[in-house]
Amino acid sequence: DTGMAALSLGLEALAQGLVTHQMGGFDMAKARAAFAIPEEYTPMAMIAVGYQAAPEALDDEETRAKELKPRGRKPVAERFYGGSWNAKLP
């Protein structure tokens, strides 16, 4: 359910002109304290939502270069199979 909620949040953010950033590692105790999360609930994910800043606004040169680097994805045929394992898609 958490994954589907994150997907829905990301899609709605995009529709509203916003971006999301899921964070893999976060301090559960600090999150609980910062957002007053009751003990009977467990923080499962941390997702920042906001407007995308221009890369020029980044102070760190290394981070700016990483942000400006072209992103690539493998072709679908290299990631998914049809009918059985390793059966390439048309």
PDB file of N, CA and C in Angstrom:
ATOM      1  N   ASP A   1       0.809  -1.199   0.000  1.00  0.00           N
ATOM      2  CA  ASP A   1       0.000   0.000   0.000  1.00  0.00           C
ATOM      3  C   ASP A   1       0.855   1.267   0.000  1.00  0.00           C
ATOM      4  N   THR A   2       2.001   1.217   0.679  1.00  0.00           N
ATOM      5  CA  THR A   2       2.867   2.397   0.739  1.00  0.00           C
ATOM      6  C   THR A   2       3.395   2.754  -0.649  1.00  0.00           C
ATOM      7  N   GLY A   3       3.773   1.726  -1.415  1.00  0.00           N
ATOM      8  CA  GLY A   3       4.273   1.971  -2.766  1.00  0.00           C
ATOM      9  C   GLY A   3       3.221   2.594  -3.656  1.00  0.00           C
ATOM     10  N   MET A   4       1.994   2.109  -3.562  1.00  0.00           N
ATOM     11  CA  MET A   4       0.909   2.653  -4.377  1.00  0.00           C
ATOM     12  C   MET A   4       0.584   4.085  -3.951  1.00  0.00           C
ATOM     13  N   ALA A   5       0.659   4.358  -2.654  1.00  0.00           N
ATOM     14  CA  ALA A   5       0.427   5.719  -2.172  1.00  0.00           C
ATOM     15  C   ALA A   5       1.502   6.662  -2.710  1.00  0.00           C
ATOM     16  N   ALA A   6       2.763   6.204  -2.720  1.00  0.00           N
ATOM     17  CA  ALA A   6       3.859   7.021  -3.248  1.00  0.00           C
ATOM     18  C   ALA A   6       3.662   7.278  -4.737  1.00  0.00           C
ATOM     19  N   LEU A   7       3.231   6.257  -5.471  1.00  0.00           N
ATOM     20  CA  LEU A   7       2.957   6.412  -6.901  1.00  0.00           C
ATOM     21  C   LEU A   7       1.856   7.444  -7.119  1.00  0.00           C
ATOM     22  N   SER A   8       0.769   7.328  -6.374  1.00  0.00           N
ATOM     23  CA  SER A   8      -0.351   8.261  -6.517  1.00  0.00           C
ATOM     24  C   SER A   8       0.077   9.689  -6.187  1.00  0.00           C
ATOM     25  N   LEU A   9       0.864   9.839  -5.125  1.00  0.00           N
ATOM     26  CA  LEU A   9       1.361  11.159  -4.752  1.00  0.00           C
ATOM     27  C   LEU A   9       2.221  11.736  -5.871  1.00  0.00           C
ATOM     28  N   GLY A  10       3.100  10.915  -6.434  1.00  0.00           N
ATOM     29  CA  GLY A  10       3.968  11.377  -7.514  1.00  0.00           C
ATOM     30  C   GLY A  10       3.193  11.800  -8.745  1.00  0.00           C
ATOM     31  N   LEU A  11       2.183  11.023  -9.116  1.00  0.00           N
ATOM     32  CA  LEU A  11       1.372  11.363 -10.292  1.00  0.00           C
ATOM     33  C   LEU A  11       0.578  12.649 -10.070  1.00  0.00           C
ATOM     34  N   GLU A  12      -0.002  12.791  -8.891  1.00  0.00           N
ATOM     35  CA  GLU A  12      -0.767  14.010  -8.604  1.00  0.00           C
ATOM     36  C   GLU A  12       0.158  15.222  -8.531  1.00  0.00           C
ATOM     37  N   ALA A  13       1.327  15.060  -7.935  1.00  0.00           N
ATOM     38  CA  ALA A  13       2.290  16.163  -7.884  1.00  0.00           C
ATOM     39  C   ALA A  13       2.647  16.613  -9.293  1.00  0.00           C
ATOM     40  N   LEU A  14       2.928  15.661 -10.168  1.00  0.00           N
ATOM     41  CA  LEU A  14       3.258  15.979 -11.557  1.00  0.00           C
ATOM     42  C   LEU A  14       2.113  16.738 -12.223  1.00  0.00           C
ATOM     43  N   ALA A  15       0.882  16.292 -11.996  1.00  0.00           N
ATOM     44  CA  ALA A  15      -0.290  16.961 -12.572  1.00  0.00           C
ATOM     45  C   ALA A  15      -0.426  18.392 -12.055  1.00  0.00           C
ATOM     46  N   GLN A  16       0.089  18.653 -10.856  1.00  0.00           N
ATOM     47  CA  GLN A  16       0.003  19.984 -10.245  1.00  0.00           C
ATOM     48  C   GLN A  16       1.249  20.834 -10.516  1.00  0.00           C
ATOM     49  N   GLY A  17       2.175  20.321 -11.337  1.00  0.00           N
ATOM     50  CA  GLY A  17       3.389  21.066 -11.651  1.00  0.00           C
ATOM     51  C   GLY A  17       4.463  20.969 -10.578  1.00  0.00           C
ATOM     52  N   LEU A  18       4.380  19.945  -9.736  1.00  0.00           N
ATOM     53  CA  LEU A  18       5.349  19.743  -8.662  1.00  0.00           C
ATOM     54  C   LEU A  18       6.190  18.508  -8.950  1.00  0.00           C
ATOM     55  N   VAL A  19       7.226  18.312  -8.160  1.00  0.00           N
ATOM     56  CA  VAL A  19       8.051  17.109  -8.259  1.00  0.00           C
ATOM     57  C   VAL A  19       8.112  16.456  -6.882  1.00  0.00           C
ATOM     58  N   THR A  20       8.399  15.149  -6.876  1.00  0.00           N
ATOM     59  CA  THR A  20       8.573  14.424  -5.619  1.00  0.00           C
ATOM     60  C   THR A  20       9.967  13.820  -5.589  1.00  0.00           C
ATOM     61  N   HIS A  21      10.468  13.615  -4.393  1.00  0.00           N
ATOM     62  CA  HIS A  21      11.771  12.969  -4.225  1.00  0.00           C
ATOM     63  C   HIS A  21      11.662  12.009  -3.054  1.00  0.00           C
ATOM     64  N   GLN A  22      11.711  10.706  -3.367  1.00  0.00           N
ATOM     65  CA  GLN A  22      11.649   9.697  -2.313  1.00  0.00           C
ATOM     66  C   GLN A  22      13.038   9.511  -1.722  1.00  0.00           C
ATOM     67  N   MET A  23      13.100   9.436  -0.400  1.00  0.00           N
ATOM     68  CA  MET A  23      14.370   9.286   0.290  1.00  0.00           C
ATOM     69  C   MET A  23      14.467   7.894   0.896  1.00  0.00           C
ATOM     70  N   GLY A  24      15.557   7.206   0.561  1.00  0.00           N
ATOM     71  CA  GLY A  24      15.728   5.835   1.022  1.00  0.00           C
ATOM     72  C   GLY A  24      16.038   5.718   2.498  1.00  0.00           C
ATOM     73  N   GLY A  25      16.909   6.537   2.982  1.00  0.00           N
ATOM     74  CA  GLY A  25      17.293   6.434   4.385  1.00  0.00           C
ATOM     75  C   GLY A  25      16.877   7.686   5.134  1.00  0.00           C
ATOM     76  N   PHE A  26      16.099   7.504   6.173  1.00  0.00           N
ATOM     77  CA  PHE A  26      15.743   8.643   7.013  1.00  0.00           C
ATOM     78  C   PHE A  26      15.686   8.171   8.456  1.00  0.00           C
ATOM     79  N   ASP A  27      15.869   9.090   9.358  1.00  0.00           N
ATOM     80  CA  ASP A  27      15.868   8.784  10.785  1.00  0.00           C
ATOM     81  C   ASP A  27      14.420   8.738  11.272  1.00  0.00           C
ATOM     82  N   MET A  28      13.946   7.532  11.559  1.00  0.00           N
ATOM     83  CA  MET A  28      12.557   7.338  11.951  1.00  0.00           C
ATOM     84  C   MET A  28      12.211   8.121  13.221  1.00  0.00           C
ATOM     85  N   ALA A  29      13.124   8.135  14.180  1.00  0.00           N
ATOM     86  CA  ALA A  29      12.870   8.848  15.441  1.00  0.00           C
ATOM     87  C   ALA A  29      12.754  10.352  15.200  1.00  0.00           C
ATOM     88  N   LYS A  30      13.638  10.896  14.358  1.00  0.00           N
ATOM     89  CA  LYS A  30      13.577  12.332  14.054  1.00  0.00           C
ATOM     90  C   LYS A  30      12.307  12.671  13.282  1.00  0.00           C
ATOM     91  N   ALA A  31      11.917  11.802  12.346  1.00  0.00           N
ATOM     92  CA  ALA A  31      10.685  12.027  11.590  1.00  0.00           C
ATOM     93  C   ALA A  31       9.486  12.005  12.534  1.00  0.00           C
ATOM     94  N   ARG A  32       9.481  11.037  13.429  1.00  0.00           N
ATOM     95  CA  ARG A  32       8.382  10.907  14.400  1.00  0.00           C
ATOM     96  C   ARG A  32       8.283  12.185  15.250  1.00  0.00           C
ATOM     97  N   ALA A  33       9.425  12.699  15.699  1.00  0.00           N
ATOM     98  CA  ALA A  33       9.440  13.902  16.532  1.00  0.00           C
ATOM     99  C   ALA A  33       9.056  15.148  15.731  1.00  0.00           C
ATOM    100  N   ALA A  34       9.614  15.299  14.532  1.00  0.00           N
ATOM    101  CA  ALA A  34       9.375  16.496  13.723  1.00  0.00           C
ATOM    102  C   ALA A  34       7.918  16.637  13.299  1.00  0.00           C
ATOM    103  N   PHE A  35       7.265  15.500  13.046  1.00  0.00           N
ATOM    104  CA  PHE A  35       5.895  15.541  12.539  1.00  0.00           C
ATOM    105  C   PHE A  35       4.860  15.058  13.556  1.00  0.00           C
ATOM    106  N   ALA A  36       5.283  14.888  14.813  1.00  0.00           N
ATOM    107  CA  ALA A  36       4.388  14.466  15.902  1.00  0.00           C
ATOM    108  C   ALA A  36       3.614  13.205  15.531  1.00  0.00           C
ATOM    109  N   ILE A  37       4.333  12.199  15.020  1.00  0.00           N
ATOM    110  CA  ILE A  37       3.707  10.938  14.620  1.00  0.00           C
ATOM    111  C   ILE A  37       3.494  10.082  15.867  1.00  0.00           C
ATOM    112  N   PRO A  38       2.261   9.691  16.146  1.00  0.00           N
ATOM    113  CA  PRO A  38       1.988   8.869  17.335  1.00  0.00           C
ATOM    114  C   PRO A  38       2.702   7.523  17.264  1.00  0.00           C
ATOM    115  N   GLU A  39       2.994   6.957  18.423  1.00  0.00           N
ATOM    116  CA  GLU A  39       3.724   5.688  18.518  1.00  0.00           C
ATOM    117  C   GLU A  39       3.021   4.529  17.819  1.00  0.00           C
ATOM    118  N   GLU A  40       1.697   4.564  17.722  1.00  0.00           N
ATOM    119  CA  GLU A  40       0.991   3.446  17.085  1.00  0.00           C
ATOM    120  C   GLU A  40       1.106   3.457  15.559  1.00  0.00           C
ATOM    121  N   TYR A  41       1.770   4.472  15.006  1.00  0.00           N
ATOM    122  CA  TYR A  41       2.011   4.547  13.563  1.00  0.00           C
ATOM    123  C   TYR A  41       3.501   4.404  13.293  1.00  0.00           C
ATOM    124  N   THR A  42       3.833   3.781  12.166  1.00  0.00           N
ATOM    125  CA  THR A  42       5.229   3.574  11.782  1.00  0.00           C
ATOM    126  C   THR A  42       5.532   4.343  10.501  1.00  0.00           C
ATOM    127  N   PRO A  43       6.446   5.308  10.545  1.00  0.00           N
ATOM    128  CA  PRO A  43       6.827   6.012   9.314  1.00  0.00           C
ATOM    129  C   PRO A  43       7.477   5.021   8.343  1.00  0.00           C
ATOM    130  N   MET A  44       6.916   4.893   7.156  1.00  0.00           N
ATOM    131  CA  MET A  44       7.400   3.918   6.181  1.00  0.00           C
ATOM    132  C   MET A  44       8.188   4.562   5.040  1.00  0.00           C
ATOM    133  N   ALA A  45       7.938   5.828   4.785  1.00  0.00           N
ATOM    134  CA  ALA A  45       8.578   6.480   3.646  1.00  0.00           C
ATOM    135  C   ALA A  45       8.715   7.970   3.936  1.00  0.00           C
ATOM    136  N   MET A  46       9.695   8.573   3.291  1.00  0.00           N
ATOM    137  CA  MET A  46       9.889  10.013   3.390  1.00  0.00           C
ATOM    138  C   MET A  46       9.912  10.539   1.957  1.00  0.00           C
ATOM    139  N   ILE A  47       8.990  11.438   1.646  1.00  0.00           N
ATOM    140  CA  ILE A  47       8.887  11.964   0.285  1.00  0.00           C
ATOM    141  C   ILE A  47       8.790  13.482   0.359  1.00  0.00           C
ATOM    142  N   ALA A  48       9.747  14.161  -0.264  1.00  0.00           N
ATOM    143  CA  ALA A  48       9.701  15.617  -0.354  1.00  0.00           C
ATOM    144  C   ALA A  48       8.862  15.987  -1.573  1.00  0.00           C
ATOM    145  N   VAL A  49       8.066  17.038  -1.451  1.00  0.00           N
ATOM    146  CA  VAL A  49       7.229  17.520  -2.548  1.00  0.00           C
ATOM    147  C   VAL A  49       7.479  19.012  -2.687  1.00  0.00           C
ATOM    148  N   GLY A  50       7.715  19.471  -3.914  1.00  0.00           N
ATOM    149  CA  GLY A  50       7.935  20.896  -4.113  1.00  0.00           C
ATOM    150  C   GLY A  50       8.167  21.236  -5.568  1.00  0.00           C
ATOM    151  N   TYR A  51       8.549  22.466  -5.805  1.00  0.00           N
ATOM    152  CA  TYR A  51       8.838  22.922  -7.159  1.00  0.00           C
ATOM    153  C   TYR A  51      10.296  22.631  -7.486  1.00  0.00           C
ATOM    154  N   GLN A  52      10.566  22.248  -8.719  1.00  0.00           N
ATOM    155  CA  GLN A  52      11.927  21.964  -9.170  1.00  0.00           C
ATOM    156  C   GLN A  52      12.686  23.281  -9.313  1.00  0.00           C
ATOM    157  N   ALA A  53      13.797  23.404  -8.642  1.00  0.00           N
ATOM    158  CA  ALA A  53      14.637  24.597  -8.764  1.00  0.00           C
ATOM    159  C   ALA A  53      15.513  24.474 -10.008  1.00  0.00           C
ATOM    160  N   ALA A  54      15.953  25.587 -10.517  1.00  0.00           N
ATOM    161  CA  ALA A  54      16.871  25.586 -11.652  1.00  0.00           C
ATOM    162  C   ALA A  54      18.218  25.037 -11.192  1.00  0.00           C
ATOM    163  N   PRO A  55      18.906  24.250 -12.031  1.00  0.00           N
ATOM    164  CA  PRO A  55      20.210  23.703 -11.641  1.00  0.00           C
ATOM    165  C   PRO A  55      21.201  24.785 -11.216  1.00  0.00           C
ATOM    166  N   GLU A  56      21.068  25.975 -11.784  1.00  0.00           N
ATOM    167  CA  GLU A  56      21.969  27.077 -11.436  1.00  0.00           C
ATOM    168  C   GLU A  56      21.825  27.484  -9.968  1.00  0.00           C
ATOM    169  N   ALA A  57      20.711  27.140  -9.350  1.00  0.00           N
ATOM    170  CA  ALA A  57      20.488  27.487  -7.943  1.00  0.00           C
ATOM    171  C   ALA A  57      21.270  26.584  -6.993  1.00  0.00           C
ATOM    172  N   LEU A  58      21.809  25.484  -7.516  1.00  0.00           N
ATOM    173  CA  LEU A  58      22.572  24.555  -6.677  1.00  0.00           C
ATOM    174  C   LEU A  58      23.958  25.125  -6.393  1.00  0.00           C
ATOM    175  N   ASP A  59      24.321  25.201  -5.131  1.00  0.00           N
ATOM    176  CA  ASP A  59      25.612  25.771  -4.740  1.00  0.00           C
ATOM    177  C   ASP A  59      26.777  24.833  -5.020  1.00  0.00           C
ATOM    178  N   ASP A  60      26.548  23.556  -4.861  1.00  0.00           N
ATOM    179  CA  ASP A  60      27.599  22.555  -4.988  1.00  0.00           C
ATOM    180  C   ASP A  60      27.817  22.183  -6.461  1.00  0.00           C
ATOM    181  N   GLU A  61      29.030  22.387  -6.950  1.00  0.00           N
ATOM    182  CA  GLU A  61      29.352  22.130  -8.359  1.00  0.00           C
ATOM    183  C   GLU A  61      29.125  20.670  -8.739  1.00  0.00           C
ATOM    184  N   GLU A  62      29.500  19.761  -7.855  1.00  0.00           N
ATOM    185  CA  GLU A  62      29.338  18.327  -8.138  1.00  0.00           C
ATOM    186  C   GLU A  62      27.856  17.960  -8.273  1.00  0.00           C
ATOM    187  N   THR A  63      27.043  18.487  -7.383  1.00  0.00           N
ATOM    188  CA  THR A  63      25.600  18.219  -7.434  1.00  0.00           C
ATOM    189  C   THR A  63      24.995  18.835  -8.689  1.00  0.00           C
ATOM    190  N   ARG A  64      25.419  20.041  -9.040  1.00  0.00           N
ATOM    191  CA  ARG A  64      24.922  20.708 -10.250  1.00  0.00           C
ATOM    192  C   ARG A  64      25.270  19.893 -11.489  1.00  0.00           C
ATOM    193  N   ALA A  65      26.507  19.395 -11.564  1.00  0.00           N
ATOM    194  CA  ALA A  65      26.930  18.589 -12.716  1.00  0.00           C
ATOM    195  C   ALA A  65      26.102  17.311 -12.807  1.00  0.00           C
ATOM    196  N   LYS A  66      25.834  16.697 -11.661  1.00  0.00           N
ATOM    197  CA  LYS A  66      25.026  15.474 -11.640  1.00  0.00           C
ATOM    198  C   LYS A  66      23.599  15.764 -12.118  1.00  0.00           C
ATOM    199  N   GLU A  67      23.069  16.900 -11.719  1.00  0.00           N
ATOM    200  CA  GLU A  67      21.709  17.282 -12.106  1.00  0.00           C
ATOM    201  C   GLU A  67      21.613  17.559 -13.607  1.00  0.00           C
ATOM    202  N   LEU A  68      22.676  18.123 -14.182  1.00  0.00           N
ATOM    203  CA  LEU A  68      22.669  18.475 -15.604  1.00  0.00           C
ATOM    204  C   LEU A  68      23.041  17.311 -16.517  1.00  0.00           C
ATOM    205  N   LYS A  69      23.593  16.246 -15.946  1.00  0.00           N
ATOM    206  CA  LYS A  69      24.007  15.085 -16.741  1.00  0.00           C
ATOM    207  C   LYS A  69      22.782  14.430 -17.391  1.00  0.00           C
ATOM    208  N   PRO A  70      22.858  14.148 -18.696  1.00  0.00           N
ATOM    209  CA  PRO A  70      21.724  13.489 -19.366  1.00  0.00           C
ATOM    210  C   PRO A  70      21.431  12.133 -18.729  1.00  0.00           C
ATOM    211  N   ARG A  71      20.155  11.838 -18.589  1.00  0.00           N
ATOM    212  CA  ARG A  71      19.743  10.560 -18.016  1.00  0.00           C
ATOM    213  C   ARG A  71      19.343   9.620 -19.139  1.00  0.00           C
ATOM    214  N   GLY A  72      19.684   8.366 -18.960  1.00  0.00           N
ATOM    215  CA  GLY A  72      19.329   7.371 -19.957  1.00  0.00           C
ATOM    216  C   GLY A  72      18.670   6.171 -19.309  1.00  0.00           C
ATOM    217  N   ARG A  73      17.868   5.500 -20.069  1.00  0.00           N
ATOM    218  CA  ARG A  73      17.221   4.278 -19.592  1.00  0.00           C
ATOM    219  C   ARG A  73      17.485   3.174 -20.598  1.00  0.00           C
ATOM    220  N   LYS A  74      17.565   1.962 -20.092  1.00  0.00           N
ATOM    221  CA  LYS A  74      17.722   0.815 -20.974  1.00  0.00           C
ATOM    222  C   LYS A  74      16.436   0.638 -21.771  1.00  0.00           C
ATOM    223  N   PRO A  75      16.546   0.097 -22.978  1.00  0.00           N
ATOM    224  CA  PRO A  75      15.334  -0.168 -23.763  1.00  0.00           C
ATOM    225  C   PRO A  75      14.429  -1.161 -23.036  1.00  0.00           C
ATOM    226  N   VAL A  76      13.131  -1.043 -23.254  1.00  0.00           N
ATOM    227  CA  VAL A  76      12.148  -1.917 -22.606  1.00  0.00           C
ATOM    228  C   VAL A  76      12.488  -3.381 -22.837  1.00  0.00           C
ATOM    229  N   ALA A  77      12.927  -3.730 -24.042  1.00  0.00           N
ATOM    230  CA  ALA A  77      13.230  -5.125 -24.383  1.00  0.00           C
ATOM    231  C   ALA A  77      14.353  -5.705 -23.519  1.00  0.00           C
ATOM    232  N   GLU A  78      15.193  -4.859 -22.933  1.00  0.00           N
ATOM    233  CA  GLU A  78      16.263  -5.343 -22.060  1.00  0.00           C
ATOM    234  C   GLU A  78      15.793  -5.523 -20.617  1.00  0.00           C
ATOM    235  N   ARG A  79      14.620  -5.030 -20.291  1.00  0.00           N
ATOM    236  CA  ARG A  79      14.133  -5.059 -18.914  1.00  0.00           C
ATOM    237  C   ARG A  79      12.940  -5.986 -18.694  1.00  0.00           C
ATOM    238  N   PHE A  80      12.178  -6.248 -19.757  1.00  0.00           N
ATOM    239  CA  PHE A  80      10.945  -7.018 -19.621  1.00  0.00           C
ATOM    240  C   PHE A  80      10.933  -8.175 -20.605  1.00  0.00           C
ATOM    241  N   TYR A  81      10.259  -9.247 -20.211  1.00  0.00           N
ATOM    242  CA  TYR A  81      10.154 -10.446 -21.048  1.00  0.00           C
ATOM    243  C   TYR A  81       8.690 -10.744 -21.308  1.00  0.00           C
ATOM    244  N   GLY A  82       8.438 -11.536 -22.347  1.00  0.00           N
ATOM    245  CA  GLY A  82       7.066 -11.899 -22.678  1.00  0.00           C
ATOM    246  C   GLY A  82       6.884 -13.400 -22.735  1.00  0.00           C
ATOM    247  N   GLY A  83       5.915 -13.914 -22.003  1.00  0.00           N
ATOM    248  CA  GLY A  83       5.603 -15.332 -22.056  1.00  0.00           C
ATOM    249  C   GLY A  83       6.425 -16.196 -21.131  1.00  0.00           C
ATOM    250  N   SER A  84       7.741 -16.021 -21.129  1.00  0.00           N
ATOM    251  CA  SER A  84       8.613 -16.784 -20.239  1.00  0.00           C
ATOM    252  C   SER A  84       9.888 -15.983 -19.994  1.00  0.00           C
ATOM    253  N   TRP A  85      10.632 -16.437 -18.983  1.00  0.00           N
ATOM    254  CA  TRP A  85      11.860 -15.747 -18.608  1.00  0.00           C
ATOM    255  C   TRP A  85      12.825 -15.724 -19.787  1.00  0.00           C
ATOM    256  N   ASN A  86      13.432 -14.588 -20.023  1.00  0.00           N
ATOM    257  CA  ASN A  86      14.397 -14.352 -21.097  1.00  0.00           C
ATOM    258  C   ASN A  86      13.803 -14.407 -22.495  1.00  0.00           C
ATOM    259  N   ALA A  87      12.476 -14.476 -22.630  1.00  0.00           N
ATOM    260  CA  ALA A  87      11.834 -14.408 -23.949  1.00  0.00           C
ATOM    261  C   ALA A  87      11.675 -12.936 -24.297  1.00  0.00           C
ATOM    262  N   LYS A  88      12.464 -12.473 -25.242  1.00  0.00           N
ATOM    263  CA  LYS A  88      12.467 -11.051 -25.600  1.00  0.00           C
ATOM    264  C   LYS A  88      11.105 -10.608 -26.127  1.00  0.00           C
ATOM    265  N   LEU A  89      10.762  -9.384 -25.818  1.00  0.00           N
ATOM    266  CA  LEU A  89       9.539  -8.796 -26.354  1.00  0.00           C
ATOM    267  C   LEU A  89       9.770  -8.421 -27.812  1.00  0.00           C
ATOM    268  N   PRO A  90       8.715  -8.406 -28.603  1.00  0.00           N
ATOM    269  CA  PRO A  90       8.887  -8.019 -30.027  1.00  0.00           C
ATOM    270  C   PRO A  90       9.287  -6.565 -30.158  1.00  0.00           C
TER     271      PRO A  90
END
